């Protein structure tokens, strides 16, 4: 059994019997955010690993990471390898920062991490072939979680995911993309229909919609996602989690 808490946007807190891990938590109390901060960053404690899928402020929240580096001296920070140097320059101690790459396997306490490339909106590997945006597959406590980060579905992605499944929980971005957002440098994600079809292909035990709630002009209707899932994939379970409210997932 594990405990999950959705923290808004793509933020997810995972507690296993021995490890607490937090992914993509945007904790900055910025005026532009539409969702109140569920855990005040200065009050967050007892997190062993803080992960970011890519270097956008609502995924790697640098001001909050610098706070946590001081208030949680036991915590280690995990980010895609291309961001290692800039995070160290920004104040994250190098000996507490773990760079990760797609195709590798990592162990954090009793959680295993498998990163995959993310296309946000493009794959965009650097000159050494490292991807700046990642998706995370995590296994721990008998549960397997797919955290999609920010991504579009791209050729070859589904077979890689199926090889790492089956999944108990999938957290998928649904905010989509359009010309207005692209012109304002707000690059996109799967539409709610694309996210639903990915869930239909993966068939997780539970699907959660993410990345729809945080910023004006970059939202989506989660009820439309849930309705589409219900119409097209009625055999799959989908739910809209409540920000900051823990729930448990049992292994089968």
C-alpha atoms as a PDB file:
ATOM      1  CA  UNK A   1       0.000   0.000   0.000  1.00  0.00           C
ATOM      2  CA  UNK A   2       1.115   3.544  -0.696  1.00  0.00           C
ATOM      3  CA  UNK A   3      -0.348   6.974  -0.011  1.00  0.00           C
ATOM      4  CA  UNK A   4      -0.677   9.553  -2.780  1.00  0.00           C
ATOM      5  CA  UNK A   5      -1.460  13.258  -2.533  1.00  0.00           C
ATOM      6  CA  UNK A   6      -2.073  15.404  -5.587  1.00  0.00           C
ATOM      7  CA  UNK A   7      -0.554  18.861  -5.064  1.00  0.00           C
ATOM      8  CA  UNK A   8      -2.075  20.658  -8.054  1.00  0.00           C
ATOM      9  CA  UNK A   9      -0.770  20.906 -11.635  1.00  0.00           C
ATOM     10  CA  UNK A  10       1.498  17.821 -11.920  1.00  0.00           C
ATOM     11  CA  UNK A  11       2.565  17.804  -8.272  1.00  0.00           C
ATOM     12  CA  UNK A  12       2.427  14.401  -6.597  1.00  0.00           C
ATOM     13  CA  UNK A  13       3.503  13.331  -3.106  1.00  0.00           C
ATOM     14  CA  UNK A  14       4.189   9.605  -2.755  1.00  0.00           C
ATOM     15  CA  UNK A  15       4.589   7.848   0.587  1.00  0.00           C
ATOM     16  CA  UNK A  16       5.646   4.218   0.792  1.00  0.00           C
ATOM     17  CA  UNK A  17       6.343   2.409   4.088  1.00  0.00           C
ATOM     18  CA  UNK A  18       9.956   3.632   4.008  1.00  0.00           C
ATOM     19  CA  UNK A  19      10.293   6.527   1.535  1.00  0.00           C
ATOM     20  CA  UNK A  20       8.597   9.853   0.860  1.00  0.00           C
ATOM     21  CA  UNK A  21       9.062  11.297  -2.598  1.00  0.00           C
ATOM     22  CA  UNK A  22       7.664  14.508  -4.125  1.00  0.00           C
ATOM     23  CA  UNK A  23       7.441  15.153  -7.881  1.00  0.00           C
ATOM     24  CA  UNK A  24       6.881  18.469  -9.688  1.00  0.00           C
ATOM     25  CA  UNK A  25       5.564  20.346  -6.667  1.00  0.00           C
ATOM     26  CA  UNK A  26       4.973  24.008  -7.447  1.00  0.00           C
ATOM     27  CA  UNK A  27       4.916  25.600  -4.005  1.00  0.00           C
ATOM     28  CA  UNK A  28       5.693  29.223  -4.833  1.00  0.00           C
ATOM     29  CA  UNK A  29       2.817  31.404  -3.485  1.00  0.00           C
ATOM     30  CA  UNK A  30       2.832  33.505  -6.655  1.00  0.00           C
ATOM     31  CA  UNK A  31      -0.188  35.802  -7.182  1.00  0.00           C
ATOM     32  CA  UNK A  32      -0.822  34.335 -10.626  1.00  0.00           C
ATOM     33  CA  UNK A  33      -1.553  30.848  -9.343  1.00  0.00           C
ATOM     34  CA  UNK A  34      -5.224  29.839  -9.267  1.00  0.00           C
ATOM     35  CA  UNK A  35      -4.842  27.086  -6.655  1.00  0.00           C
ATOM     36  CA  UNK A  36      -3.796  27.827  -3.050  1.00  0.00           C
ATOM     37  CA  UNK A  37      -0.523  26.238  -1.932  1.00  0.00           C
ATOM     38  CA  UNK A  38      -1.522  22.954  -0.260  1.00  0.00           C
ATOM     39  CA  UNK A  39       1.704  22.604   1.774  1.00  0.00           C
ATOM     40  CA  UNK A  40       3.541  25.823   2.661  1.00  0.00           C
ATOM     41  CA  UNK A  41       7.074  25.272   1.448  1.00  0.00           C
ATOM     42  CA  UNK A  42       8.690  26.478   4.672  1.00  0.00           C
ATOM     43  CA  UNK A  43       6.595  23.948   6.599  1.00  0.00           C
ATOM     44  CA  UNK A  44       7.220  20.896   4.428  1.00  0.00           C
ATOM     45  CA  UNK A  45       9.204  18.210   6.240  1.00  0.00           C
ATOM     46  CA  UNK A  46      10.174  14.553   6.042  1.00  0.00           C
ATOM     47  CA  UNK A  47      10.552  14.313   2.267  1.00  0.00           C
ATOM     48  CA  UNK A  48      13.460  12.101   1.217  1.00  0.00           C
ATOM     49  CA  UNK A  49      13.582  12.870  -2.513  1.00  0.00           C
ATOM     50  CA  UNK A  50      12.346  15.886  -4.481  1.00  0.00           C
ATOM     51  CA  UNK A  51      12.013  15.263  -8.206  1.00  0.00           C
ATOM     52  CA  UNK A  52      11.439  17.552 -11.170  1.00  0.00           C
ATOM     53  CA  UNK A  53      10.570  16.325 -14.641  1.00  0.00           C
ATOM     54  CA  UNK A  54      11.816  19.432 -16.475  1.00  0.00           C
ATOM     55  CA  UNK A  55      13.020  22.962 -15.877  1.00  0.00           C
ATOM     56  CA  UNK A  56       9.790  24.959 -15.926  1.00  0.00           C
ATOM     57  CA  UNK A  57       8.932  26.765 -12.732  1.00  0.00           C
ATOM     58  CA  UNK A  58       5.775  24.738 -12.089  1.00  0.00           C
ATOM     59  CA  UNK A  59       7.821  21.519 -12.255  1.00  0.00           C
ATOM     60  CA  UNK A  60      11.254  22.479 -10.947  1.00  0.00           C
ATOM     61  CA  UNK A  61      10.299  25.297  -8.607  1.00  0.00           C
ATOM     62  CA  UNK A  62      13.770  26.716  -8.053  1.00  0.00           C
ATOM     63  CA  UNK A  63      12.858  29.195  -5.273  1.00  0.00           C
ATOM     64  CA  UNK A  64      11.174  26.384  -3.345  1.00  0.00           C
ATOM     65  CA  UNK A  65      13.999  23.920  -4.021  1.00  0.00           C
ATOM     66  CA  UNK A  66      16.424  26.398  -2.468  1.00  0.00           C
ATOM     67  CA  UNK A  67      14.182  26.668   0.608  1.00  0.00           C
ATOM     68  CA  UNK A  68      13.976  22.883   0.915  1.00  0.00           C
ATOM     69  CA  UNK A  69      17.730  22.525   0.555  1.00  0.00           C
ATOM     70  CA  UNK A  70      17.974  24.457   3.823  1.00  0.00           C
ATOM     71  CA  UNK A  71      14.903  23.254   5.725  1.00  0.00           C
ATOM     72  CA  UNK A  72      15.214  19.561   4.806  1.00  0.00           C
ATOM     73  CA  UNK A  73      18.930  18.718   5.015  1.00  0.00           C
ATOM     74  CA  UNK A  74      18.152  15.028   4.502  1.00  0.00           C
ATOM     75  CA  UNK A  75      16.411  15.601   1.168  1.00  0.00           C
ATOM     76  CA  UNK A  76      18.045  14.837  -2.157  1.00  0.00           C
ATOM     77  CA  UNK A  77      17.061  16.474  -5.431  1.00  0.00           C
ATOM     78  CA  UNK A  78      16.494  14.673  -8.725  1.00  0.00           C
ATOM     79  CA  UNK A  79      16.404  16.363 -12.147  1.00  0.00           C
ATOM     80  CA  UNK A  80      17.189  15.626 -15.807  1.00  0.00           C
ATOM     81  CA  UNK A  81      20.934  15.683 -16.414  1.00  0.00           C
ATOM     82  CA  UNK A  82      20.966  18.793 -18.678  1.00  0.00           C
ATOM     83  CA  UNK A  83      19.885  20.947 -15.719  1.00  0.00           C
ATOM     84  CA  UNK A  84      22.537  19.769 -13.249  1.00  0.00           C
ATOM     85  CA  UNK A  85      25.011  22.641 -13.671  1.00  0.00           C
ATOM     86  CA  UNK A  86      22.450  25.432 -13.568  1.00  0.00           C
ATOM     87  CA  UNK A  87      20.772  23.982 -10.474  1.00  0.00           C
ATOM     88  CA  UNK A  88      24.133  23.833  -8.687  1.00  0.00           C
ATOM     89  CA  UNK A  89      24.814  27.436  -9.731  1.00  0.00           C
ATOM     90  CA  UNK A  90      21.373  28.329  -8.381  1.00  0.00           C
ATOM     91  CA  UNK A  91      22.216  27.008  -4.916  1.00  0.00           C
ATOM     92  CA  UNK A  92      21.353  23.304  -4.828  1.00  0.00           C
ATOM     93  CA  UNK A  93      24.363  21.446  -3.319  1.00  0.00           C
ATOM     94  CA  UNK A  94      26.012  19.240  -5.927  1.00  0.00           C
ATOM     95  CA  UNK A  95      26.369  16.368  -3.467  1.00  0.00           C
ATOM     96  CA  UNK A  96      22.597  16.355  -2.921  1.00  0.00           C
ATOM     97  CA  UNK A  97      21.611  16.626  -6.583  1.00  0.00           C
ATOM     98  CA  UNK A  98      21.089  13.441  -8.600  1.00  0.00           C
ATOM     99  CA  UNK A  99      21.072  13.855 -12.403  1.00  0.00           C
ATOM    100  CA  UNK A 100      18.967  11.249 -14.217  1.00  0.00           C
ATOM    101  CA  UNK A 101      18.794  10.103 -17.814  1.00  0.00           C
ATOM    102  CA  UNK A 102      16.207   8.347 -19.941  1.00  0.00           C
ATOM    103  CA  UNK A 103      16.791   4.619 -20.220  1.00  0.00           C
ATOM    104  CA  UNK A 104      18.545   4.295 -16.860  1.00  0.00           C
ATOM    105  CA  UNK A 105      17.259   2.802 -13.591  1.00  0.00           C
ATOM    106  CA  UNK A 106      17.632   4.436 -10.170  1.00  0.00           C
ATOM    107  CA  UNK A 107      16.782   3.387  -6.631  1.00  0.00           C
ATOM    108  CA  UNK A 108      15.569   5.927  -4.080  1.00  0.00           C
ATOM    109  CA  UNK A 109      14.869   4.218  -0.762  1.00  0.00           C
ATOM    110  CA  UNK A 110      12.303   1.533  -1.585  1.00  0.00           C
ATOM    111  CA  UNK A 111      11.240   3.259  -4.841  1.00  0.00           C
ATOM    112  CA  UNK A 112      12.677   2.418  -8.262  1.00  0.00           C
ATOM    113  CA  UNK A 113      12.696   5.114 -10.952  1.00  0.00           C
ATOM    114  CA  UNK A 114      12.694   4.579 -14.717  1.00  0.00           C
ATOM    115  CA  UNK A 115      12.905   7.890 -16.662  1.00  0.00           C
ATOM    116  CA  UNK A 116      11.633   8.143 -20.235  1.00  0.00           C
ATOM    117  CA  UNK A 117      11.982  11.026 -22.721  1.00  0.00           C
ATOM    118  CA  UNK A 118       9.144  13.553 -22.782  1.00  0.00           C
ATOM    119  CA  UNK A 119       8.160  15.594 -25.853  1.00  0.00           C
ATOM    120  CA  UNK A 120       7.237  19.050 -24.545  1.00  0.00           C
ATOM    121  CA  UNK A 121       6.364  19.887 -27.370  1.00  0.00           C
ATOM    122  CA  UNK A 122       9.509  18.356 -28.871  1.00  0.00           C
ATOM    123  CA  UNK A 123      11.996  15.778 -27.605  1.00  0.00           C
ATOM    124  CA  UNK A 124      14.961  18.204 -28.025  1.00  0.00           C
ATOM    125  CA  UNK A 125      17.915  16.125 -26.753  1.00  0.00           C
ATOM    126  CA  UNK A 126      21.132  18.048 -26.172  1.00  0.00           C
ATOM    127  CA  UNK A 127      24.365  17.465 -28.086  1.00  0.00           C
ATOM    128  CA  UNK A 128      25.211  14.526 -25.827  1.00  0.00           C
ATOM    129  CA  UNK A 129      21.816  12.903 -26.287  1.00  0.00           C
ATOM    130  CA  UNK A 130      20.396  13.800 -22.856  1.00  0.00           C
ATOM    131  CA  UNK A 131      16.744  14.807 -22.697  1.00  0.00           C
ATOM    132  CA  UNK A 132      15.777  18.006 -20.837  1.00  0.00           C
ATOM    133  CA  UNK A 133      12.202  16.811 -20.265  1.00  0.00           C
ATOM    134  CA  UNK A 134      11.404  13.419 -18.780  1.00  0.00           C
ATOM    135  CA  UNK A 135       8.534  11.182 -17.793  1.00  0.00           C
ATOM    136  CA  UNK A 136       8.874   9.034 -14.681  1.00  0.00           C
ATOM    137  CA  UNK A 137       7.789   5.470 -13.993  1.00  0.00           C
ATOM    138  CA  UNK A 138       8.052   4.685 -10.289  1.00  0.00           C
ATOM    139  CA  UNK A 139       7.676   1.379  -8.477  1.00  0.00           C
ATOM    140  CA  UNK A 140       7.401   0.997  -4.711  1.00  0.00           C
ATOM    141  CA  UNK A 141       5.239  -0.616  -2.064  1.00  0.00           C
ATOM    142  CA  UNK A 142       3.933  -3.068  -4.648  1.00  0.00           C
ATOM    143  CA  UNK A 143       2.531  -0.170  -6.735  1.00  0.00           C
ATOM    144  CA  UNK A 144       3.652   1.108 -10.156  1.00  0.00           C
ATOM    145  CA  UNK A 145       3.001   4.773 -11.004  1.00  0.00           C
ATOM    146  CA  UNK A 146       3.302   6.543 -14.342  1.00  0.00           C
ATOM    147  CA  UNK A 147       3.937  10.284 -13.979  1.00  0.00           C
ATOM    148  CA  UNK A 148       3.869  11.715 -17.496  1.00  0.00           C
ATOM    149  CA  UNK A 149       5.447  15.081 -16.674  1.00  0.00           C
ATOM    150  CA  UNK A 150       4.678  17.409 -19.585  1.00  0.00           C
ATOM    151  CA  UNK A 151       4.545  15.551 -22.874  1.00  0.00           C
ATOM    152  CA  UNK A 152       2.875  14.828 -26.144  1.00  0.00           C
ATOM    153  CA  UNK A 153       2.526  11.273 -27.328  1.00  0.00           C
ATOM    154  CA  UNK A 154       5.318  10.532 -29.800  1.00  0.00           C
ATOM    155  CA  UNK A 155       6.346   7.645 -32.018  1.00  0.00           C
ATOM    156  CA  UNK A 156       7.874   4.839 -29.981  1.00  0.00           C
ATOM    157  CA  UNK A 157       6.619   6.081 -26.604  1.00  0.00           C
ATOM    158  CA  UNK A 158       3.836   3.544 -26.117  1.00  0.00           C
ATOM    159  CA  UNK A 159       6.003   0.404 -26.487  1.00  0.00           C
ATOM    160  CA  UNK A 160       8.460   1.778 -23.923  1.00  0.00           C
ATOM    161  CA  UNK A 161       5.649   2.421 -21.470  1.00  0.00           C
ATOM    162  CA  UNK A 162       4.009  -0.949 -22.040  1.00  0.00           C
ATOM    163  CA  UNK A 163       7.353  -2.620 -21.343  1.00  0.00           C
ATOM    164  CA  UNK A 164       7.455  -0.913 -17.930  1.00  0.00           C
ATOM    165  CA  UNK A 165       3.816  -1.644 -17.026  1.00  0.00           C
ATOM    166  CA  UNK A 166       1.244  -2.623 -16.036  1.00  0.00           C
ATOM    167  CA  UNK A 167       0.438   0.535 -14.094  1.00  0.00           C
ATOM    168  CA  UNK A 168      -1.626   0.985 -10.979  1.00  0.00           C
ATOM    169  CA  UNK A 169      -1.808   4.794 -11.291  1.00  0.00           C
ATOM    170  CA  UNK A 170      -1.242   7.196 -14.192  1.00  0.00           C
ATOM    171  CA  UNK A 171      -1.094  10.996 -13.802  1.00  0.00           C
ATOM    172  CA  UNK A 172      -1.507  12.594 -17.247  1.00  0.00           C
ATOM    173  CA  UNK A 173      -1.443  16.249 -18.380  1.00  0.00           C
ATOM    174  CA  UNK A 174      -4.617  17.282 -20.214  1.00  0.00           C
ATOM    175  CA  UNK A 175      -4.216  21.014 -20.902  1.00  0.00           C
ATOM    176  CA  UNK A 176      -3.468  20.594 -24.607  1.00  0.00           C
ATOM    177  CA  UNK A 177      -1.868  23.162 -26.902  1.00  0.00           C
ATOM    178  CA  UNK A 178      -2.871  25.812 -29.409  1.00  0.00           C
ATOM    179  CA  UNK A 179      -1.511  28.754 -31.387  1.00  0.00           C
ATOM    180  CA  UNK A 180      -2.323  31.321 -28.706  1.00  0.00           C
ATOM    181  CA  UNK A 181      -0.313  29.460 -26.115  1.00  0.00           C
ATOM    182  CA  UNK A 182       2.530  28.654 -28.463  1.00  0.00           C
ATOM    183  CA  UNK A 183       2.886  32.330 -29.465  1.00  0.00           C
ATOM    184  CA  UNK A 184       3.189  33.256 -25.783  1.00  0.00           C
ATOM    185  CA  UNK A 185       5.901  30.591 -25.261  1.00  0.00           C
ATOM    186  CA  UNK A 186       3.487  28.345 -23.367  1.00  0.00           C
ATOM    187  CA  UNK A 187       4.373  25.042 -24.979  1.00  0.00           C
ATOM    188  CA  UNK A 188       1.862  22.275 -24.946  1.00  0.00           C
ATOM    189  CA  UNK A 189       0.781  18.900 -23.712  1.00  0.00           C
ATOM    190  CA  UNK A 190      -1.638  16.214 -24.740  1.00  0.00           C
ATOM    191  CA  UNK A 191      -5.220  17.290 -25.212  1.00  0.00           C
ATOM    192  CA  UNK A 192      -7.706  15.646 -22.899  1.00  0.00           C
ATOM    193  CA  UNK A 193      -8.712  13.299 -25.733  1.00  0.00           C
ATOM    194  CA  UNK A 194      -5.083  12.333 -26.404  1.00  0.00           C
ATOM    195  CA  UNK A 195      -4.475  11.738 -22.701  1.00  0.00           C
ATOM    196  CA  UNK A 196      -7.601   9.580 -22.496  1.00  0.00           C
ATOM    197  CA  UNK A 197      -6.500   7.529 -25.491  1.00  0.00           C
ATOM    198  CA  UNK A 198      -3.088   7.000 -23.899  1.00  0.00           C
ATOM    199  CA  UNK A 199      -4.841   5.770 -20.756  1.00  0.00           C
ATOM    200  CA  UNK A 200      -6.957   3.524 -22.970  1.00  0.00           C
ATOM    201  CA  UNK A 201      -3.792   1.994 -24.430  1.00  0.00           C
ATOM    202  CA  UNK A 202      -2.047   1.578 -21.062  1.00  0.00           C
ATOM    203  CA  UNK A 203      -5.106   0.516 -19.027  1.00  0.00           C
ATOM    204  CA  UNK A 204      -3.896   1.647 -15.582  1.00  0.00           C
ATOM    205  CA  UNK A 205      -6.028   0.692 -12.597  1.00  0.00           C
ATOM    206  CA  UNK A 206      -6.532   4.413 -11.858  1.00  0.00           C
ATOM    207  CA  UNK A 207      -6.085   7.459 -14.104  1.00  0.00           C
ATOM    208  CA  UNK A 208      -5.753  11.007 -12.756  1.00  0.00           C
ATOM    209  CA  UNK A 209      -5.921  14.175 -14.902  1.00  0.00           C
ATOM    210  CA  UNK A 210      -3.282  16.820 -14.203  1.00  0.00           C
ATOM    211  CA  UNK A 211      -1.975  20.161 -15.441  1.00  0.00           C
ATOM    212  CA  UNK A 212      -5.376  21.813 -15.830  1.00  0.00           C
ATOM    213  CA  UNK A 213      -5.800  23.996 -12.736  1.00  0.00           C
ATOM    214  CA  UNK A 214      -2.899  26.331 -12.037  1.00  0.00           C
ATOM    215  CA  UNK A 215      -2.623  29.278 -14.447  1.00  0.00           C
ATOM    216  CA  UNK A 216      -5.187  31.421 -16.224  1.00  0.00           C
ATOM    217  CA  UNK A 217      -4.970  30.879 -19.965  1.00  0.00           C
ATOM    218  CA  UNK A 218      -3.466  27.394 -19.572  1.00  0.00           C
ATOM    219  CA  UNK A 219      -6.337  25.443 -18.047  1.00  0.00           C
ATOM    220  CA  UNK A 220      -8.609  22.633 -19.193  1.00  0.00           C
ATOM    221  CA  UNK A 221     -11.887  21.073 -18.110  1.00  0.00           C
ATOM    222  CA  UNK A 222     -11.175  17.897 -16.116  1.00  0.00           C
ATOM    223  CA  UNK A 223     -14.831  16.923 -16.225  1.00  0.00           C
ATOM    224  CA  UNK A 224     -14.586  16.747 -20.029  1.00  0.00           C
ATOM    225  CA  UNK A 225     -11.663  14.343 -19.625  1.00  0.00           C
ATOM    226  CA  UNK A 226     -13.564  12.199 -17.133  1.00  0.00           C
ATOM    227  CA  UNK A 227     -16.667  12.186 -19.339  1.00  0.00           C
ATOM    228  CA  UNK A 228     -14.631  11.179 -22.392  1.00  0.00           C
ATOM    229  CA  UNK A 229     -12.959   8.397 -20.397  1.00  0.00           C
ATOM    230  CA  UNK A 230     -16.342   7.181 -19.213  1.00  0.00           C
ATOM    231  CA  UNK A 231     -17.753   7.193 -22.745  1.00  0.00           C
ATOM    232  CA  UNK A 232     -14.803   5.611 -24.541  1.00  0.00           C
ATOM    233  CA  UNK A 233     -13.134   3.491 -21.852  1.00  0.00           C
ATOM    234  CA  UNK A 234     -15.894   2.638 -19.354  1.00  0.00           C
ATOM    235  CA  UNK A 235     -13.928  -0.330 -18.047  1.00  0.00           C
ATOM    236  CA  UNK A 236     -11.204   1.988 -16.709  1.00  0.00           C
ATOM    237  CA  UNK A 237     -11.334   3.892 -13.423  1.00  0.00           C
ATOM    238  CA  UNK A 238     -10.738   7.634 -13.581  1.00  0.00           C
ATOM    239  CA  UNK A 239     -11.040  10.121 -10.744  1.00  0.00           C
ATOM    240  CA  UNK A 240     -10.526  13.784 -10.071  1.00  0.00           C
ATOM    241  CA  UNK A 241      -8.358  13.995  -6.944  1.00  0.00           C
ATOM    242  CA  UNK A 242      -8.711  16.812  -4.439  1.00  0.00           C
ATOM    243  CA  UNK A 243      -5.671  19.025  -3.979  1.00  0.00           C
ATOM    244  CA  UNK A 244      -3.843  18.227  -0.758  1.00  0.00           C
ATOM    245  CA  UNK A 245      -6.072  15.323   0.264  1.00  0.00           C
ATOM    246  CA  UNK A 246      -4.216  11.985   0.623  1.00  0.00           C
ATOM    247  CA  UNK A 247      -5.662   8.736  -0.663  1.00  0.00           C
ATOM    248  CA  UNK A 248      -4.366   5.183  -0.558  1.00  0.00           C
ATOM    249  CA  UNK A 249      -3.670   2.722  -3.329  1.00  0.00           C
ATOM    250  CA  UNK A 250      -3.375  -0.975  -2.485  1.00  0.00           C
ATOM    251  CA  UNK A 251      -1.401  -3.538  -4.441  1.00  0.00           C
ATOM    252  CA  UNK A 252      -3.239  -6.424  -6.086  1.00  0.00           C
END
